[in-house]
Amino acid sequence: MFSFNMFDHPIPRVFQNRFSTQYRCFSVSMLAGPNDRSDVEKGGKIIMPPSALDQLSRLNITYPMLFKLTNKNSDRMTHCGVLEFVADEGICYLPHWMMQNLLLEEGGLVQVESVNLQVATYSKFQPQSPDFLDITNPKAVLENALRNFACLTTGDVIAINYNEKIYELRVMETKPDKAVSIIECDMNVDFDAPLGYKEPERQVQHEESTESEADNSGYAGELGFRAFSGSGNRLDGKKKGVEPSPSPIKPGDIKRGIPNYEFKLGKITFIRNSRPLVKKVEEDEAGGRFVAFSGEGQSLRKKGRKP
């Protein structure tokens, strides 16, 4: 008996379950149909022909479906997901930013291969314009935009649409691999300084105190509360005699504060009693000693002259 098997070992299952084909790619604006497909531009998924779904269903591939796109002419590659299978045969539609990363023109050939990617745990982005800092909460905006993406590739420049404006961000780093899946994952997001961003220079403020400022800071009550300085209203509605006539401030009415000559920077001093204590008259008498029975007596009878 002769064996007609040319291979000693069977074909590995990995190659049997691999999807690989070439398509001519076009941007989403070239997609024919009455419906507006601008949602494709806001994410990282492509539109493939129905024959790809038929071929993928026969293969034992893992879900979600993730693909590797390669431009063999420029050796550029990226990763993406699939949104629908409604394209014409032999054609696939890509977002415009993805065609720019692959250096593809309208009608260029792209190699599409099915891949399995690890789940992302960390990613770092660099905005390509300082305008991204004008967003109130950029992290929340990015997390909301990444819901339309299936995977990330280190080195790609993705585009997100927010408030009718397109912001471009470069993927600087992804963990645990250079290409990761971001579907149903818990990923930490970090930002790098935007491209062309310059930190504002800190101006050194010179504290110069003039004599007039020093004198005005020592007065207390100059701008404080002044009693009965408001205007009044009459019952008859007349305006006569209701204007306030505050008495002018005399120099003697301004109380000058007591400077603290022991002040040190970073030290707070609480003055418990700033008023001087009134000394008693008894304490002012020097040399006064207690003498027993030194008081004067009083008599009930009034001393008078006898007749």
Protein backbone atom coordinates (compact mmCIF):
# COMPACT_ATOMS: atom_id res chain seq x y z
CA MET A 1 0.00 0.00 0.00
CA PHE A 2 1.24 3.43 -0.86
CA SER A 3 0.47 6.59 1.02
CA PHE A 4 -0.44 9.67 -1.04
CA ASN A 5 0.06 12.08 1.87
CA MET A 6 2.91 14.39 0.88
CA PHE A 7 3.33 15.79 4.42
CA ASP A 8 4.44 13.78 7.41
CA HIS A 9 2.55 16.13 9.76
CA PRO A 10 -0.96 17.57 9.36
CA ILE A 11 -1.43 21.23 8.58
CA PRO A 12 -1.55 23.26 11.82
CA ARG A 13 -4.98 24.46 12.82
CA VAL A 14 -3.68 28.02 13.14
CA PHE A 15 -3.22 28.31 9.38
CA GLN A 16 -6.57 26.66 8.69
CA ASN A 17 -8.41 29.29 10.75
CA ARG A 18 -6.59 32.27 9.28
CA PHE A 19 -8.37 34.75 7.05
CA SER A 20 -6.13 36.58 4.57
CA THR A 21 -7.10 38.39 1.38
CA GLN A 22 -6.52 41.61 -0.56
CA TYR A 23 -9.03 44.36 -1.22
CA ARG A 24 -9.06 47.68 -2.96
CA CYS A 25 -9.72 50.27 -0.31
CA PHE A 26 -11.70 53.48 -0.56
CA SER A 27 -12.67 56.14 1.94
CA VAL A 28 -16.14 56.14 3.46
CA SER A 29 -17.16 59.16 1.41
CA MET A 30 -17.02 56.91 -1.69
CA LEU A 31 -19.58 54.50 -0.23
CA ALA A 32 -22.71 54.54 -2.40
CA GLY A 33 -26.08 54.71 -0.70
CA PRO A 34 -28.70 57.12 0.60
CA ASN A 35 -27.63 56.82 4.22
CA ASP A 36 -24.90 59.02 5.64
CA ARG A 37 -22.09 56.84 7.02
CA SER A 38 -20.17 59.53 8.84
CA ASP A 39 -20.19 57.28 11.91
CA VAL A 40 -17.47 55.17 10.27
CA GLU A 41 -15.13 58.17 10.29
CA LYS A 42 -15.57 58.54 14.05
CA GLY A 43 -14.14 55.12 14.87
CA GLY A 44 -11.61 52.45 14.01
CA LYS A 45 -13.74 49.93 12.13
CA ILE A 46 -14.02 49.12 8.43
CA ILE A 47 -16.75 47.89 6.05
CA MET A 48 -16.07 44.63 4.20
CA PRO A 49 -17.93 42.71 1.43
CA PRO A 50 -20.45 39.92 2.22
CA SER A 51 -18.11 37.26 0.84
CA ALA A 52 -15.72 37.99 3.72
CA LEU A 53 -18.47 37.16 6.21
CA ASP A 54 -19.19 33.90 4.38
CA GLN A 55 -15.54 32.93 4.48
CA LEU A 56 -15.09 33.98 8.11
CA SER A 57 -18.13 31.96 9.21
CA ARG A 58 -16.54 28.79 7.82
CA LEU A 59 -13.39 29.37 9.82
CA ASN A 60 -13.16 28.71 13.51
CA ILE A 61 -12.01 32.21 14.41
CA THR A 62 -12.27 33.93 17.76
CA TYR A 63 -14.62 36.81 18.43
CA PRO A 64 -14.65 39.78 18.29
CA MET A 65 -13.28 39.85 14.75
CA LEU A 66 -10.04 41.82 14.62
CA PHE A 67 -7.93 42.37 11.50
CA LYS A 68 -4.46 43.47 10.57
CA LEU A 69 -4.24 45.86 7.62
CA THR A 70 -0.94 46.02 5.73
CA ASN A 71 0.23 48.19 2.87
CA LYS A 72 2.98 46.12 1.30
CA ASN A 73 4.21 49.01 -0.83
CA SER A 74 5.11 51.16 2.19
CA ASP A 75 5.45 48.48 4.90
CA ARG A 76 2.86 50.29 7.02
CA MET A 77 0.37 48.35 9.08
CA THR A 78 -2.42 48.94 11.58
CA HIS A 79 -5.24 47.02 13.26
CA CYS A 80 -8.99 47.48 13.16
CA GLY A 81 -12.38 45.88 13.67
CA VAL A 82 -15.27 45.34 11.27
CA LEU A 83 -18.52 47.30 11.38
CA GLU A 84 -20.63 45.81 8.57
CA PHE A 85 -20.40 43.48 5.55
CA VAL A 86 -22.20 45.59 2.97
CA ALA A 87 -19.37 46.68 0.64
CA ASP A 88 -19.09 45.68 -2.99
CA GLU A 89 -17.10 42.55 -3.78
CA GLY A 90 -13.36 43.12 -3.81
CA ILE A 91 -13.70 46.51 -2.05
CA CYS A 92 -13.45 47.62 1.56
CA TYR A 93 -14.09 51.06 3.02
CA LEU A 94 -11.73 52.60 5.59
CA PRO A 95 -11.83 55.76 7.70
CA HIS A 96 -9.80 58.60 6.25
CA TRP A 97 -7.35 58.75 9.16
CA MET A 98 -6.62 55.03 8.75
CA MET A 99 -5.81 55.49 5.06
CA GLN A 100 -3.41 58.28 6.00
CA ASN A 101 -1.60 56.03 8.48
CA LEU A 102 -1.22 53.33 5.82
CA LEU A 103 -0.20 55.88 3.13
CA LEU A 104 -2.96 54.58 0.88
CA GLU A 105 -4.70 56.38 -1.94
CA GLU A 106 -8.18 55.79 -3.31
CA GLY A 107 -8.25 52.35 -4.94
CA GLY A 108 -4.98 51.13 -3.38
CA LEU A 109 -4.44 47.49 -2.42
CA VAL A 110 -4.50 46.52 1.26
CA GLN A 111 -3.86 43.12 2.81
CA VAL A 112 -6.48 42.11 5.39
CA GLU A 113 -5.62 39.33 7.86
CA SER A 114 -7.50 38.07 10.91
CA VAL A 115 -5.54 38.30 14.17
CA ASN A 116 -5.95 37.72 17.90
CA LEU A 117 -4.88 40.58 20.16
CA GLN A 118 -4.37 40.81 23.89
CA VAL A 119 -6.66 42.96 26.00
CA ALA A 120 -5.24 46.43 26.73
CA THR A 121 -4.25 47.48 30.23
CA TYR A 122 -2.50 50.83 29.54
CA SER A 123 -2.27 53.37 26.74
CA LYS A 124 -0.61 56.75 26.33
CA PHE A 125 -1.64 59.44 23.85
CA GLN A 126 -0.06 62.64 22.58
CA PRO A 127 -2.38 65.33 21.17
CA GLN A 128 -1.11 66.73 17.89
CA SER A 129 -2.34 70.25 18.70
CA PRO A 130 -2.44 72.36 21.89
CA ASP A 131 -6.14 73.00 21.15
CA PHE A 132 -6.89 69.68 22.81
CA LEU A 133 -6.16 71.33 26.17
CA ASP A 134 -9.16 73.64 25.69
CA ILE A 135 -11.49 70.70 26.37
CA THR A 136 -12.83 70.78 29.91
CA ASN A 137 -12.44 67.04 30.56
CA PRO A 138 -10.20 65.56 27.84
CA LYS A 139 -9.94 62.15 29.50
CA ALA A 140 -13.71 61.67 29.53
CA VAL A 141 -13.96 62.84 25.91
CA LEU A 142 -11.29 60.36 24.82
CA GLU A 143 -12.87 57.46 26.72
CA ASN A 144 -16.21 58.21 25.06
CA ALA A 145 -14.60 58.35 21.59
CA LEU A 146 -12.73 55.06 22.08
CA ARG A 147 -16.04 53.22 22.31
CA ASN A 148 -16.12 53.31 18.51
CA PHE A 149 -12.69 51.66 18.28
CA ALA A 150 -11.89 47.98 18.50
CA CYS A 151 -8.11 48.07 18.91
CA LEU A 152 -5.09 50.38 19.14
CA THR A 153 -1.68 50.20 17.48
CA THR A 154 1.42 51.98 18.74
CA GLY A 155 2.46 54.72 16.32
CA ASP A 156 -0.98 55.34 14.80
CA VAL A 157 -2.54 58.80 14.69
CA ILE A 158 -6.22 58.43 15.47
CA ALA A 159 -8.85 61.11 14.94
CA ILE A 160 -11.75 61.84 17.29
CA ASN A 161 -14.65 64.19 16.64
CA TYR A 162 -15.80 66.41 19.51
CA ASN A 163 -17.97 69.52 19.38
CA GLU A 164 -17.85 69.61 15.57
CA LYS A 165 -14.05 69.65 15.59
CA ILE A 166 -11.56 66.89 14.76
CA TYR A 167 -8.67 66.26 17.17
CA GLU A 168 -5.74 64.03 16.24
CA LEU A 169 -3.89 61.98 18.85
CA ARG A 170 -0.82 59.80 18.40
CA VAL A 171 -0.73 56.46 20.22
CA MET A 172 2.62 56.66 22.01
CA GLU A 173 2.48 53.44 24.03
CA THR A 174 0.21 50.45 24.61
CA LYS A 175 0.49 47.59 27.06
CA PRO A 176 0.92 44.63 27.17
CA ASP A 177 1.73 44.65 23.43
CA LYS A 178 2.20 47.12 20.58
CA ALA A 179 -1.25 46.19 19.27
CA VAL A 180 -4.04 45.62 21.78
CA SER A 181 -7.79 45.11 21.88
CA ILE A 182 -9.86 47.69 23.78
CA ILE A 183 -13.23 45.90 23.69
CA GLU A 184 -14.63 45.41 27.21
CA CYS A 185 -11.36 46.21 28.96
CA ASP A 186 -10.20 48.15 32.01
CA MET A 187 -7.50 50.38 30.55
CA ASN A 188 -5.54 53.19 32.20
CA VAL A 189 -5.25 56.24 29.96
CA ASP A 190 -2.42 58.77 30.17
CA PHE A 191 -1.52 61.88 28.17
CA ASP A 192 1.78 63.27 26.97
CA ALA A 193 2.43 66.97 26.38
CA PRO A 194 0.75 68.15 23.16
CA LEU A 195 2.87 68.64 20.08
CA GLY A 196 4.13 72.24 20.00
CA TYR A 197 3.04 72.99 23.56
CA LYS A 198 5.18 75.41 25.55
CA GLU A 199 4.82 75.87 29.27
CA PRO A 200 4.07 79.47 30.28
CA GLU A 201 7.04 81.28 31.76
CA ARG A 202 6.67 82.22 35.38
CA GLN A 203 7.21 85.92 35.96
CA VAL A 204 9.19 86.77 39.07
CA GLN A 205 7.30 89.36 41.04
CA HIS A 206 9.50 91.91 42.74
CA GLU A 207 7.98 93.03 46.01
CA GLU A 208 8.70 96.72 46.26
CA SER A 209 7.10 98.56 49.15
CA THR A 210 6.95 102.34 48.94
CA GLU A 211 6.65 104.70 51.87
CA SER A 212 3.06 105.57 51.04
CA GLU A 213 2.03 101.92 50.94
CA ALA A 214 3.77 101.30 54.25
CA ASP A 215 2.02 104.24 55.88
CA ASN A 216 -1.42 103.25 54.59
CA SER A 217 -1.03 99.65 55.72
CA GLY A 218 -0.40 100.79 59.29
CA TYR A 219 -3.75 102.54 59.72
CA ALA A 220 -6.74 100.69 61.09
CA GLY A 221 -10.31 101.59 60.35
CA GLU A 222 -9.63 103.78 57.30
CA LEU A 223 -11.86 101.66 55.07
CA GLY A 224 -13.80 99.97 57.87
CA PHE A 225 -17.36 100.42 59.12
CA ARG A 226 -18.63 103.92 59.75
CA ALA A 227 -21.85 104.26 61.74
CA PHE A 228 -24.82 106.29 60.42
CA SER A 229 -23.17 106.90 57.05
CA GLY A 230 -26.13 105.72 54.94
CA SER A 231 -28.96 107.74 53.40
CA GLY A 232 -32.49 107.98 54.81
CA ASN A 233 -36.03 108.10 53.37
CA ARG A 234 -38.84 110.49 54.27
CA LEU A 235 -42.50 109.53 54.69
CA ASP A 236 -43.69 112.39 52.48
CA GLY A 237 -41.43 111.22 49.63
CA LYS A 238 -39.34 114.37 49.50
CA LYS A 239 -35.64 114.10 48.84
CA LYS A 240 -34.67 117.08 50.90
CA GLY A 241 -32.43 116.41 53.82
CA VAL A 242 -31.99 112.68 53.15
CA GLU A 243 -28.52 112.80 51.69
CA PRO A 244 -25.87 111.49 54.08
CA SER A 245 -23.46 113.99 55.47
CA PRO A 246 -20.62 111.96 56.86
CA SER A 247 -18.25 113.83 59.02
CA PRO A 248 -14.78 114.14 57.57
CA ILE A 249 -12.12 111.89 58.97
CA LYS A 250 -9.66 113.74 61.11
CA PRO A 251 -6.05 112.66 61.37
CA GLY A 252 -6.58 112.09 65.08
CA ASP A 253 -9.40 109.60 64.42
CA ILE A 254 -7.11 107.26 62.46
CA LYS A 255 -5.58 104.72 64.76
CA ARG A 256 -2.17 103.49 63.83
CA GLY A 257 -1.56 99.78 64.22
CA ILE A 258 1.23 98.34 66.31
CA PRO A 259 3.82 96.59 64.13
CA ASN A 260 5.14 93.22 65.14
CA TYR A 261 8.89 93.50 65.02
CA GLU A 262 9.34 89.81 65.86
CA PHE A 263 7.44 88.66 62.74
CA LYS A 264 8.95 85.72 60.87
CA LEU A 265 7.82 84.25 57.55
CA GLY A 266 5.63 81.20 58.11
CA LYS A 267 4.95 82.00 61.78
CA ILE A 268 1.53 82.99 63.09
CA THR A 269 1.27 84.86 66.39
CA PHE A 270 -2.02 85.09 68.29
CA ILE A 271 -2.21 88.16 70.54
CA ARG A 272 -4.39 87.28 73.50
CA ASN A 273 -4.68 90.73 75.07
CA SER A 274 -3.33 93.69 73.15
CA ARG A 275 -4.66 96.31 75.59
CA PRO A 276 -2.40 97.39 78.47
CA LEU A 277 -3.67 96.49 81.91
CA VAL A 278 -4.81 99.35 84.17
CA LYS A 279 -2.61 99.54 87.22
CA LYS A 280 -4.28 99.94 90.56
CA VAL A 281 -3.58 102.95 92.72
CA GLU A 282 -2.66 100.74 95.67
CA GLU A 283 0.15 99.13 93.70
CA ASP A 284 1.60 102.53 92.83
CA GLU A 285 2.26 103.42 96.48
CA ALA A 286 5.82 102.48 97.18
CA GLY A 287 6.71 101.20 100.64
CA GLY A 288 3.09 100.85 101.89
CA ARG A 289 2.79 98.21 104.64
CA PHE A 290 -0.13 96.83 106.61
CA VAL A 291 -0.50 98.29 110.16
CA ALA A 292 -2.98 96.71 112.58
CA PHE A 293 -5.69 98.88 114.22
CA SER A 294 -4.74 101.88 112.16
CA GLY A 295 -8.33 102.72 111.18
CA GLU A 296 -10.57 105.43 112.52
CA GLY A 297 -13.56 104.78 114.75
CA GLN A 298 -17.10 106.22 114.53
CA SER A 299 -19.38 107.26 117.39
CA LEU A 300 -23.19 107.11 117.46
CA ARG A 301 -23.40 110.24 119.47
CA LYS A 302 -22.78 113.49 117.84
CA LYS A 303 -20.43 115.55 119.77
CA GLY A 304 -21.85 118.97 120.47
CA ARG A 305 -21.29 121.93 122.68
CA LYS A 306 -22.98 121.89 126.10
CA PRO A 307 -25.09 124.90 126.98
